C-alpha atoms as a PDB file:
ATOM      1  CA  MET A   1       0.056   0.028   0.134  1.00  0.00           C
ATOM      2  CA  ALA A   2       2.954   2.554   0.968  1.00  0.00           C
ATOM      3  CA  LYS A   3       4.543   1.615  -2.506  1.00  0.00           C
ATOM      4  CA  ALA A   4       1.307   2.270  -4.438  1.00  0.00           C
ATOM      5  CA  ALA A   5       1.280   5.822  -2.483  1.00  0.00           C
ATOM      6  CA  ALA A   6       4.432   6.551  -3.331  1.00  0.00           C
ATOM      7  CA  ASP A   7       3.920   5.810  -7.110  1.00  0.00           C
ATOM      8  CA  GLY A   8       3.608   9.144  -8.823  1.00  0.00           C
ATOM      9  CA  ASN A   9       1.040   7.591 -11.213  1.00  0.00           C
ATOM     10  CA  ALA A  10      -1.074   6.304  -8.216  1.00  0.00           C
ATOM     11  CA  ARG A  11      -4.944   7.566  -8.807  1.00  0.00           C
ATOM     12  CA  THR A  12      -6.839   9.493  -5.800  1.00  0.00           C
ATOM     13  CA  TRP A  13      -9.719   7.854  -4.224  1.00  0.00           C
ATOM     14  CA  SER A  14     -11.918  10.836  -5.909  1.00  0.00           C
ATOM     15  CA  GLU A  15     -10.716   9.709  -9.201  1.00  0.00           C
ATOM     16  CA  VAL A  16     -11.308   5.837  -8.671  1.00  0.00           C
ATOM     17  CA  ARG A  17     -14.736   5.913  -6.368  1.00  0.00           C
ATOM     18  CA  PRO A  18     -17.756   5.175  -8.529  1.00  0.00           C
ATOM     19  CA  GLN A  19     -19.523   8.390  -9.792  1.00  0.00           C
ATOM     20  CA  ARG A  20     -23.268   8.940  -8.945  1.00  0.00           C
ATOM     21  CA  ARG A  21     -25.310   8.945 -12.083  1.00  0.00           C
ATOM     22  CA  ALA A  22     -27.069  12.268 -12.561  1.00  0.00           C
ATOM     23  CA  ALA A  23     -30.747  12.286 -11.428  1.00  0.00           C
ATOM     24  CA  ILE A  24     -33.557  11.627 -13.754  1.00  0.00           C
ATOM     25  CA  PRO A  25     -35.745  15.133 -13.832  1.00  0.00           C
ATOM     26  CA  GLU A  26     -38.886  14.320 -12.736  1.00  0.00           C
ATOM     27  CA  GLY A  27     -41.859  14.451 -14.953  1.00  0.00           C
ATOM     28  CA  LEU A  28     -39.955  12.921 -18.073  1.00  0.00           C
ATOM     29  CA  TRP A  29     -41.767   9.625 -17.658  1.00  0.00           C
ATOM     30  CA  LEU A  30     -45.233   8.757 -16.831  1.00  0.00           C
ATOM     31  CA  ARG A  31     -46.975   5.652 -15.764  1.00  0.00           C
ATOM     32  CA  CYS A  32     -50.415   5.274 -18.034  1.00  0.00           C
ATOM     33  CA  SER A  33     -53.072   4.768 -15.845  1.00  0.00           C
ATOM     34  CA  SER A  34     -54.795   2.140 -17.686  1.00  0.00           C
ATOM     35  CA  CYS A  35     -51.451  -0.644 -19.175  1.00  0.00           C
ATOM     36  CA  GLY A  36     -49.367   0.617 -16.108  1.00  0.00           C
ATOM     37  CA  LYS A  37     -46.484   1.035 -18.521  1.00  0.00           C
ATOM     38  CA  MET A  38     -43.995   4.075 -18.407  1.00  0.00           C
ATOM     39  CA  VAL A  39     -44.340   6.339 -21.385  1.00  0.00           C
ATOM     40  CA  TYR A  40     -41.713   8.823 -22.462  1.00  0.00           C
ATOM     41  CA  LYS A  41     -43.461  12.361 -21.861  1.00  0.00           C
ATOM     42  CA  ARG A  42     -42.765  13.851 -25.180  1.00  0.00           C
ATOM     43  CA  HIS A  43     -43.742  10.639 -26.949  1.00  0.00           C
ATOM     44  CA  LEU A  44     -46.941  10.592 -25.173  1.00  0.00           C
ATOM     45  CA  GLU A  45     -47.428  14.419 -26.153  1.00  0.00           C
ATOM     46  CA  ALA A  46     -46.259  13.665 -29.605  1.00  0.00           C
ATOM     47  CA  ASN A  47     -49.281  10.954 -30.012  1.00  0.00           C
ATOM     48  CA  LEU A  48     -51.834  13.442 -28.864  1.00  0.00           C
ATOM     49  CA  HIS A  49     -51.883  12.204 -25.197  1.00  0.00           C
ATOM     50  CA  VAL A  50     -52.694   8.553 -26.136  1.00  0.00           C
ATOM     51  CA  CYS A  51     -50.707   5.985 -24.848  1.00  0.00           C
ATOM     52  CA  PRO A  52     -48.782   4.403 -27.409  1.00  0.00           C
ATOM     53  CA  GLU A  53     -48.619   0.965 -25.658  1.00  0.00           C
ATOM     54  CA  CYS A  54     -52.407   0.385 -25.020  1.00  0.00           C
ATOM     55  CA  SER A  55     -54.137   2.920 -26.830  1.00  0.00           C
ATOM     56  CA  PHE A  56     -55.579   4.711 -23.706  1.00  0.00           C
ATOM     57  CA  HIS A  57     -56.622   8.298 -24.518  1.00  0.00           C
ATOM     58  CA  ASN A  58     -55.681  10.407 -21.469  1.00  0.00           C
ATOM     59  CA  ARG A  59     -57.691  13.354 -20.732  1.00  0.00           C
ATOM     60  CA  ILE A  60     -56.778  16.794 -22.044  1.00  0.00           C
ATOM     61  CA  SER A  61     -57.491  20.474 -21.472  1.00  0.00           C
ATOM     62  CA  ALA A  62     -59.392  22.598 -23.489  1.00  0.00           C
ATOM     63  CA  VAL A  63     -56.298  24.644 -24.790  1.00  0.00           C
ATOM     64  CA  GLU A  64     -54.884  21.040 -25.892  1.00  0.00           C
ATOM     65  CA  ARG A  65     -57.900  20.396 -27.500  1.00  0.00           C
ATOM     66  CA  VAL A  66     -58.002  23.542 -29.621  1.00  0.00           C
ATOM     67  CA  LYS A  67     -54.468  23.122 -30.762  1.00  0.00           C
ATOM     68  CA  GLN A  68     -55.351  19.492 -31.759  1.00  0.00           C
ATOM     69  CA  LEU A  69     -58.503  20.286 -33.774  1.00  0.00           C
ATOM     70  CA  ALA A  70     -58.029  23.896 -34.967  1.00  0.00           C
ATOM     71  CA  ASP A  71     -55.454  24.551 -37.812  1.00  0.00           C
ATOM     72  CA  THR A  72     -52.525  26.416 -36.652  1.00  0.00           C
ATOM     73  CA  GLY A  73     -53.026  29.958 -36.054  1.00  0.00           C
ATOM     74  CA  THR A  74     -56.580  30.181 -37.043  1.00  0.00           C
ATOM     75  CA  PHE A  75     -58.594  29.882 -33.691  1.00  0.00           C
ATOM     76  CA  VAL A  76     -59.896  33.100 -32.486  1.00  0.00           C
ATOM     77  CA  GLU A  77     -61.194  33.189 -29.044  1.00  0.00           C
ATOM     78  CA  GLN A  78     -64.522  34.665 -28.046  1.00  0.00           C
ATOM     79  CA  PHE A  79     -66.657  35.020 -24.886  1.00  0.00           C
ATOM     80  CA  SER A  80     -63.529  35.211 -22.874  1.00  0.00           C
ATOM     81  CA  ASN A  81     -64.802  38.488 -20.766  1.00  0.00           C
ATOM     82  CA  LEU A  82     -67.379  36.411 -19.204  1.00  0.00           C
ATOM     83  CA  ALA A  83     -66.518  35.501 -15.843  1.00  0.00           C
ATOM     84  CA  PRO A  84     -68.332  33.382 -13.017  1.00  0.00           C
ATOM     85  CA  THR A  85     -69.740  35.277  -9.637  1.00  0.00           C
ATOM     86  CA  ASP A  86     -71.179  33.734  -6.554  1.00  0.00           C
ATOM     87  CA  PRO A  87     -75.093  34.794  -6.333  1.00  0.00           C
ATOM     88  CA  LEU A  88     -75.699  32.418  -3.902  1.00  0.00           C
ATOM     89  CA  GLY A  89     -72.947  32.777  -1.432  1.00  0.00           C
ATOM     90  CA  PHE A  90     -72.279  29.160  -1.640  1.00  0.00           C
ATOM     91  CA  LYS A  91     -69.997  27.092   0.626  1.00  0.00           C
ATOM     92  CA  ASP A  92     -69.324  23.735   1.416  1.00  0.00           C
ATOM     93  CA  LEU A  93     -65.940  22.418   2.605  1.00  0.00           C
ATOM     94  CA  LYS A  94     -64.421  25.729   0.854  1.00  0.00           C
ATOM     95  CA  ALA A  95     -66.412  29.073   0.120  1.00  0.00           C
ATOM     96  CA  TYR A  96     -67.434  28.968  -3.783  1.00  0.00           C
ATOM     97  CA  LYS A  97     -65.957  32.110  -4.641  1.00  0.00           C
ATOM     98  CA  ASP A  98     -62.444  31.252  -3.120  1.00  0.00           C
ATOM     99  CA  ARG A  99     -62.782  27.648  -4.796  1.00  0.00           C
ATOM    100  CA  LEU A 100     -63.079  29.817  -8.108  1.00  0.00           C
ATOM    101  CA  LEU A 101     -60.047  32.047  -7.593  1.00  0.00           C
ATOM    102  CA  SER A 102     -57.967  28.472  -6.903  1.00  0.00           C
ATOM    103  CA  GLU A 103     -59.187  27.167 -10.369  1.00  0.00           C
ATOM    104  CA  GLN A 104     -58.152  30.372 -11.934  1.00  0.00           C
ATOM    105  CA  ILE A 105     -54.821  30.680 -10.553  1.00  0.00           C
ATOM    106  CA  LYS A 106     -54.228  26.723 -11.197  1.00  0.00           C
ATOM    107  CA  THR A 107     -55.485  26.842 -14.659  1.00  0.00           C
ATOM    108  CA  GLY A 108     -55.050  30.353 -16.122  1.00  0.00           C
ATOM    109  CA  ASN A 109     -58.709  30.423 -17.347  1.00  0.00           C
ATOM    110  CA  THR A 110     -61.879  32.099 -15.946  1.00  0.00           C
ATOM    111  CA  ASP A 111     -64.008  29.129 -16.302  1.00  0.00           C
ATOM    112  CA  ALA A 112     -64.426  25.434 -17.758  1.00  0.00           C
ATOM    113  CA  VAL A 113     -64.840  26.508 -21.644  1.00  0.00           C
ATOM    114  CA  LYS A 114     -63.405  27.728 -24.429  1.00  0.00           C
ATOM    115  CA  ALA A 115     -64.677  28.872 -27.448  1.00  0.00           C
ATOM    116  CA  GLY A 116     -64.287  30.529 -30.627  1.00  0.00           C
ATOM    117  CA  ARG A 117     -64.268  30.755 -34.343  1.00  0.00           C
ATOM    118  CA  CYS A 118     -61.620  28.796 -36.289  1.00  0.00           C
ATOM    119  CA  PHE A 119     -60.864  26.621 -39.422  1.00  0.00           C
ATOM    120  CA  ILE A 120     -60.630  23.085 -39.329  1.00  0.00           C
ATOM    121  CA  LYS A 121     -58.352  21.693 -42.174  1.00  0.00           C
ATOM    122  CA  GLY A 122     -59.784  24.789 -44.277  1.00  0.00           C
ATOM    123  CA  ARG A 123     -63.108  24.522 -43.133  1.00  0.00           C
ATOM    124  CA  GLU A 124     -64.494  27.383 -41.007  1.00  0.00           C
ATOM    125  CA  ALA A 125     -66.222  26.655 -37.999  1.00  0.00           C
ATOM    126  CA  VAL A 126     -67.300  27.463 -34.148  1.00  0.00           C
ATOM    127  CA  LEU A 127     -65.722  25.379 -32.031  1.00  0.00           C
ATOM    128  CA  CYS A 128     -66.384  24.968 -28.352  1.00  0.00           C
ATOM    129  CA  CYS A 129     -64.558  22.993 -25.805  1.00  0.00           C
ATOM    130  CA  LEU A 130     -65.191  22.252 -22.137  1.00  0.00           C
ATOM    131  CA  ASP A 131     -62.163  21.960 -19.621  1.00  0.00           C
ATOM    132  CA  LEU A 132     -61.746  19.396 -17.313  1.00  0.00           C
ATOM    133  CA  THR A 133     -59.097  20.865 -15.694  1.00  0.00           C
ATOM    134  CA  PHE A 134     -61.328  23.552 -14.494  1.00  0.00           C
ATOM    135  CA  MET A 135     -63.432  22.122 -11.830  1.00  0.00           C
ATOM    136  CA  MET A 136     -64.038  19.124 -13.489  1.00  0.00           C
ATOM    137  CA  GLY A 137     -65.314  20.720 -16.330  1.00  0.00           C
ATOM    138  CA  SER A 138     -68.914  21.407 -14.510  1.00  0.00           C
ATOM    139  CA  MET A 139     -71.198  23.497 -16.221  1.00  0.00           C
ATOM    140  CA  GLY A 140     -72.033  26.904 -14.494  1.00  0.00           C
ATOM    141  CA  SER A 141     -73.654  29.916 -15.872  1.00  0.00           C
ATOM    142  CA  VAL A 142     -70.718  30.857 -17.412  1.00  0.00           C
ATOM    143  CA  VAL A 143     -70.575  27.872 -19.067  1.00  0.00           C
ATOM    144  CA  GLY A 144     -73.939  27.380 -19.983  1.00  0.00           C
ATOM    145  CA  GLU A 145     -73.656  31.185 -21.784  1.00  0.00           C
ATOM    146  CA  VAL A 146     -70.688  30.405 -23.637  1.00  0.00           C
ATOM    147  CA  VAL A 147     -72.108  27.402 -25.365  1.00  0.00           C
ATOM    148  CA  THR A 148     -75.284  29.098 -25.904  1.00  0.00           C
ATOM    149  CA  ARG A 149     -73.366  32.118 -27.472  1.00  0.00           C
ATOM    150  CA  SER A 150     -71.359  30.088 -29.470  1.00  0.00           C
ATOM    151  CA  ILE A 151     -74.433  28.227 -30.977  1.00  0.00           C
ATOM    152  CA  GLU A 152     -75.993  31.618 -32.051  1.00  0.00           C
ATOM    153  CA  GLU A 153     -72.569  32.667 -33.387  1.00  0.00           C
ATOM    154  CA  ALA A 154     -73.095  29.481 -35.468  1.00  0.00           C
ATOM    155  CA  THR A 155     -76.502  30.470 -36.138  1.00  0.00           C
ATOM    156  CA  ARG A 156     -76.038  33.960 -37.368  1.00  0.00           C
ATOM    157  CA  ASP A 157     -73.102  33.219 -39.567  1.00  0.00           C
ATOM    158  CA  SER A 158     -74.417  29.659 -41.030  1.00  0.00           C
ATOM    159  CA  LEU A 159     -71.238  28.291 -39.645  1.00  0.00           C
ATOM    160  CA  PRO A 160     -70.776  24.389 -38.489  1.00  0.00           C
ATOM    161  CA  LEU A 161     -70.753  24.107 -35.024  1.00  0.00           C
ATOM    162  CA  ILE A 162     -68.357  21.787 -33.158  1.00  0.00           C
ATOM    163  CA  ILE A 163     -68.796  21.201 -28.898  1.00  0.00           C
ATOM    164  CA  VAL A 164     -66.202  18.900 -27.480  1.00  0.00           C
ATOM    165  CA  SER A 165     -67.605  17.862 -24.118  1.00  0.00           C
ATOM    166  CA  CYS A 166     -65.666  16.500 -21.125  1.00  0.00           C
ATOM    167  CA  SER A 167     -67.474  17.427 -17.896  1.00  0.00           C
ATOM    168  CA  GLY A 168     -68.595  16.229 -14.456  1.00  0.00           C
ATOM    169  CA  GLY A 169     -72.400  17.447 -15.228  1.00  0.00           C
ATOM    170  CA  ALA A 170     -73.900  20.373 -13.596  1.00  0.00           C
ATOM    171  CA  ARG A 171     -72.231  22.867 -10.960  1.00  0.00           C
ATOM    172  CA  MET A 172     -73.866  22.022  -7.509  1.00  0.00           C
ATOM    173  CA  GLN A 173     -72.475  25.303  -6.158  1.00  0.00           C
ATOM    174  CA  GLU A 174     -74.636  27.345  -8.643  1.00  0.00           C
ATOM    175  CA  SER A 175     -78.137  25.190  -8.040  1.00  0.00           C
ATOM    176  CA  GLY A 176     -81.154  26.235 -10.106  1.00  0.00           C
ATOM    177  CA  LEU A 177     -79.046  28.854 -11.864  1.00  0.00           C
ATOM    178  CA  SER A 178     -76.544  25.663 -13.439  1.00  0.00           C
ATOM    179  CA  LEU A 179     -79.731  23.375 -14.577  1.00  0.00           C
ATOM    180  CA  MET A 180     -81.040  26.401 -16.439  1.00  0.00           C
ATOM    181  CA  GLN A 181     -78.471  26.262 -18.728  1.00  0.00           C
ATOM    182  CA  MET A 182     -79.587  22.947 -19.873  1.00  0.00           C
ATOM    183  CA  ALA A 183     -82.693  24.628 -21.124  1.00  0.00           C
ATOM    184  CA  LYS A 184     -81.199  27.611 -22.385  1.00  0.00           C
ATOM    185  CA  SER A 185     -78.438  25.636 -24.350  1.00  0.00           C
ATOM    186  CA  SER A 186     -81.392  23.239 -25.983  1.00  0.00           C
ATOM    187  CA  ALA A 187     -83.433  25.967 -27.036  1.00  0.00           C
ATOM    188  CA  ALA A 188     -80.589  27.692 -28.407  1.00  0.00           C
ATOM    189  CA  LEU A 189     -79.870  24.378 -30.445  1.00  0.00           C
ATOM    190  CA  ALA A 190     -83.371  23.922 -31.518  1.00  0.00           C
ATOM    191  CA  ARG A 191     -83.268  27.195 -33.419  1.00  0.00           C
ATOM    192  CA  TYR A 192     -80.009  26.263 -34.905  1.00  0.00           C
ATOM    193  CA  ASP A 193     -81.122  23.006 -36.235  1.00  0.00           C
ATOM    194  CA  ASP A 194     -84.247  25.168 -37.783  1.00  0.00           C
ATOM    195  CA  SER A 195     -81.931  26.992 -39.787  1.00  0.00           C
ATOM    196  CA  GLY A 196     -80.219  24.055 -41.031  1.00  0.00           C
ATOM    197  CA  GLY A 197     -77.140  24.295 -39.149  1.00  0.00           C
ATOM    198  CA  LEU A 198     -74.747  21.431 -38.915  1.00  0.00           C
ATOM    199  CA  PHE A 199     -73.834  20.596 -35.022  1.00  0.00           C
ATOM    200  CA  ILE A 200     -71.101  17.738 -34.483  1.00  0.00           C
ATOM    201  CA  SER A 201     -71.050  16.700 -30.917  1.00  0.00           C
ATOM    202  CA  VAL A 202     -67.902  15.262 -29.754  1.00  0.00           C
ATOM    203  CA  LEU A 203     -68.035  13.150 -26.463  1.00  0.00           C
ATOM    204  CA  THR A 204     -65.049  12.644 -24.491  1.00  0.00           C
ATOM    205  CA  ASP A 205     -63.971  11.180 -21.215  1.00  0.00           C
ATOM    206  CA  PRO A 206     -66.041  11.767 -19.067  1.00  0.00           C
ATOM    207  CA  THR A 207     -69.387  13.193 -20.207  1.00  0.00           C
ATOM    208  CA  THR A 208     -71.896  12.893 -17.450  1.00  0.00           C
ATOM    209  CA  GLY A 209     -74.834  14.842 -15.691  1.00  0.00           C
ATOM    210  CA  GLY A 210     -76.438  17.865 -16.981  1.00  0.00           C
ATOM    211  CA  VAL A 211     -74.073  18.038 -19.822  1.00  0.00           C
ATOM    212  CA  THR A 212     -75.212  14.754 -21.304  1.00  0.00           C
ATOM    213  CA  ALA A 213     -78.862  15.720 -20.736  1.00  0.00           C
ATOM    214  CA  SER A 214     -78.929  18.680 -22.775  1.00  0.00           C
ATOM    215  CA  PHE A 215     -76.510  19.994 -25.623  1.00  0.00           C
ATOM    216  CA  ALA A 216     -74.098  16.859 -25.659  1.00  0.00           C
ATOM    217  CA  MET A 217     -76.923  14.200 -26.949  1.00  0.00           C
ATOM    218  CA  LEU A 218     -78.383  16.851 -29.334  1.00  0.00           C
ATOM    219  CA  GLY A 219     -76.106  16.671 -32.067  1.00  0.00           C
ATOM    220  CA  ASP A 220     -76.832  15.963 -35.552  1.00  0.00           C
ATOM    221  CA  ILE A 221     -73.825  13.577 -35.722  1.00  0.00           C
ATOM    222  CA  ILE A 222     -72.573  12.436 -32.440  1.00  0.00           C
ATOM    223  CA  LEU A 223     -68.574  11.347 -32.260  1.00  0.00           C
ATOM    224  CA  ALA A 224     -67.339   9.863 -29.159  1.00  0.00           C
ATOM    225  CA  GLU A 225     -63.623   9.045 -28.294  1.00  0.00           C
ATOM    226  CA  PRO A 226     -62.626   5.527 -27.597  1.00  0.00           C
ATOM    227  CA  ASN A 227     -63.574   4.143 -23.853  1.00  0.00           C
ATOM    228  CA  ALA A 228     -65.103   7.307 -22.831  1.00  0.00           C
ATOM    229  CA  LEU A 229     -67.749   7.356 -20.150  1.00  0.00           C
ATOM    230  CA  ILE A 230     -71.011   8.688 -21.032  1.00  0.00           C
ATOM    231  CA  GLY A 231     -74.251   8.878 -19.175  1.00  0.00           C
ATOM    232  CA  PHE A 232     -76.348  10.743 -16.901  1.00  0.00           C
ATOM    233  CA  ALA A 233     -75.771   8.965 -13.439  1.00  0.00           C
ATOM    234  CA  GLY A 234     -72.457   6.906 -12.727  1.00  0.00           C
ATOM    235  CA  PRO A 235     -72.678   3.186 -13.213  1.00  0.00           C
ATOM    236  CA  ARG A 236     -72.235   2.614  -9.462  1.00  0.00           C
ATOM    237  CA  VAL A 237     -75.229   4.799  -8.532  1.00  0.00           C
ATOM    238  CA  ILE A 238     -77.449   2.978 -11.211  1.00  0.00           C
ATOM    239  CA  GLN A 239     -76.334  -0.400  -9.913  1.00  0.00           C
ATOM    240  CA  GLN A 240     -77.032   0.599  -6.631  1.00  0.00           C
ATOM    241  CA  THR A 241     -80.576   1.680  -7.369  1.00  0.00           C
ATOM    242  CA  ILE A 242     -81.931  -1.267  -9.734  1.00  0.00           C
ATOM    243  CA  ARG A 243     -79.728  -3.606  -7.677  1.00  0.00           C
ATOM    244  CA  GLN A 244     -78.800  -5.647 -10.719  1.00  0.00           C
ATOM    245  CA  GLU A 245     -75.349  -6.193 -12.202  1.00  0.00           C
ATOM    246  CA  LEU A 246     -74.495  -4.171 -15.291  1.00  0.00           C
ATOM    247  CA  PRO A 247     -73.408  -5.232 -18.684  1.00  0.00           C
ATOM    248  CA  GLU A 248     -69.660  -5.071 -18.921  1.00  0.00           C
ATOM    249  CA  GLY A 249     -68.326  -1.771 -20.679  1.00  0.00           C
ATOM    250  CA  PHE A 250     -71.561  -0.478 -19.657  1.00  0.00           C
ATOM    251  CA  GLN A 251     -71.550   3.680 -20.515  1.00  0.00           C
ATOM    252  CA  ARG A 252     -68.748   3.352 -22.427  1.00  0.00           C
ATOM    253  CA  SER A 253     -68.533   4.684 -25.993  1.00  0.00           C
ATOM    254  CA  GLU A 254     -68.334   1.004 -27.724  1.00  0.00           C
ATOM    255  CA  PHE A 255     -71.425   0.136 -25.836  1.00  0.00           C
ATOM    256  CA  LEU A 256     -73.290   2.949 -26.806  1.00  0.00           C
ATOM    257  CA  LEU A 257     -72.521   2.819 -30.156  1.00  0.00           C
ATOM    258  CA  LYS A 258     -74.125  -1.001 -30.297  1.00  0.00           C
ATOM    259  CA  SER A 259     -76.923   0.928 -28.614  1.00  0.00           C
ATOM    260  CA  GLY A 260     -77.348   3.579 -31.186  1.00  0.00           C
ATOM    261  CA  LEU A 261     -76.598   6.629 -29.099  1.00  0.00           C
ATOM    262  CA  VAL A 262     -73.511   7.238 -30.466  1.00  0.00           C
ATOM    263  CA  ASP A 263     -72.963   7.620 -34.469  1.00  0.00           C
ATOM    264  CA  ARG A 264     -68.842   6.522 -34.627  1.00  0.00           C
ATOM    265  CA  VAL A 265     -65.994   6.045 -31.995  1.00  0.00           C
ATOM    266  CA  VAL A 266     -63.277   7.946 -33.303  1.00  0.00           C
ATOM    267  CA  PRO A 267     -59.646   7.982 -31.938  1.00  0.00           C
ATOM    268  CA  ARG A 268     -58.442  10.963 -31.200  1.00  0.00           C
ATOM    269  CA  ALA A 269     -55.810  10.863 -34.223  1.00  0.00           C
ATOM    270  CA  GLN A 270     -58.471  10.836 -36.551  1.00  0.00           C
ATOM    271  CA  LEU A 271     -60.873  12.909 -35.198  1.00  0.00           C
ATOM    272  CA  ARG A 272     -59.882  16.161 -37.166  1.00  0.00           C
ATOM    273  CA  ASN A 273     -60.101  14.513 -39.980  1.00  0.00           C
ATOM    274  CA  GLU A 274     -63.438  13.078 -39.506  1.00  0.00           C
ATOM    275  CA  ILE A 275     -65.083  16.237 -38.542  1.00  0.00           C
ATOM    276  CA  ALA A 276     -63.910  17.990 -41.593  1.00  0.00           C
ATOM    277  CA  ARG A 277     -65.141  15.035 -43.761  1.00  0.00           C
ATOM    278  CA  LEU A 278     -68.495  15.279 -42.164  1.00  0.00           C
ATOM    279  CA  ILE A 279     -68.566  18.980 -42.836  1.00  0.00           C
ATOM    280  CA  ASP A 280     -68.006  18.359 -46.232  1.00  0.00           C
ATOM    281  CA  PHE A 281     -70.585  15.718 -46.457  1.00  0.00           C
ATOM    282  CA  ALA A 282     -73.267  17.995 -45.146  1.00  0.00           C
ATOM    283  CA  GLY A 283     -72.163  20.430 -47.475  1.00  0.00           C
ATOM    284  CA  LYS A 284     -71.477  23.225 -45.268  1.00  0.00           C
END
């Protein structure tokens, strides 16, 4: 040992000790909630947030949905000046006004919807997307008003209307005011239908409650993403109510397709092309 230490070519401990591997930054890899496999985040994003291993369609925000559907640089947002209030002074575990502020800070949006005019593969249309990242896409007064104004915009200018639904239903913090949005948006759609408009309703995971019970199921053509949960009440509530086992896949897109409640189940990668094709087919 002494001879080795005296050797001028001997390396120090700091040179020969094993070097620690650099830590992998958090968020680079994500575990698929369906198949459980690890997926590289950039690969997932490039694949439109669809798992490349099992084709599971992850939930996405309204901003991401607009990016996927609208031609680049063509989306002009409308009605973004509308903001929710707390007319009932509602409080559960948290005051509604505080909950709204928290969601607005978290998402950067005023409410759970984004709407505007755009082009989809060169076809001009009105596009309205609910945002699941804001209070589970629940429909309050602002969401209902934006949906209704989008319908009226499409009616006035004779444009195709595309509404992408993803929602937990009516917003309980606004009580009856939220439920009124079901009738208001449905009445606007009736006028749009009378004018000869084309309404393409796109159902994504989940589409439930008052949204399902109003505009989401009133499309001239109803498309759904694969394996999306679509229904009014959840399957667990239904099973407990009727006290019977439900069929496999109950309330999923494929089940509703067989039942005739959905016209087509369209993978996310094909959705933009399918919407453009339907607009052409309808001559709009």
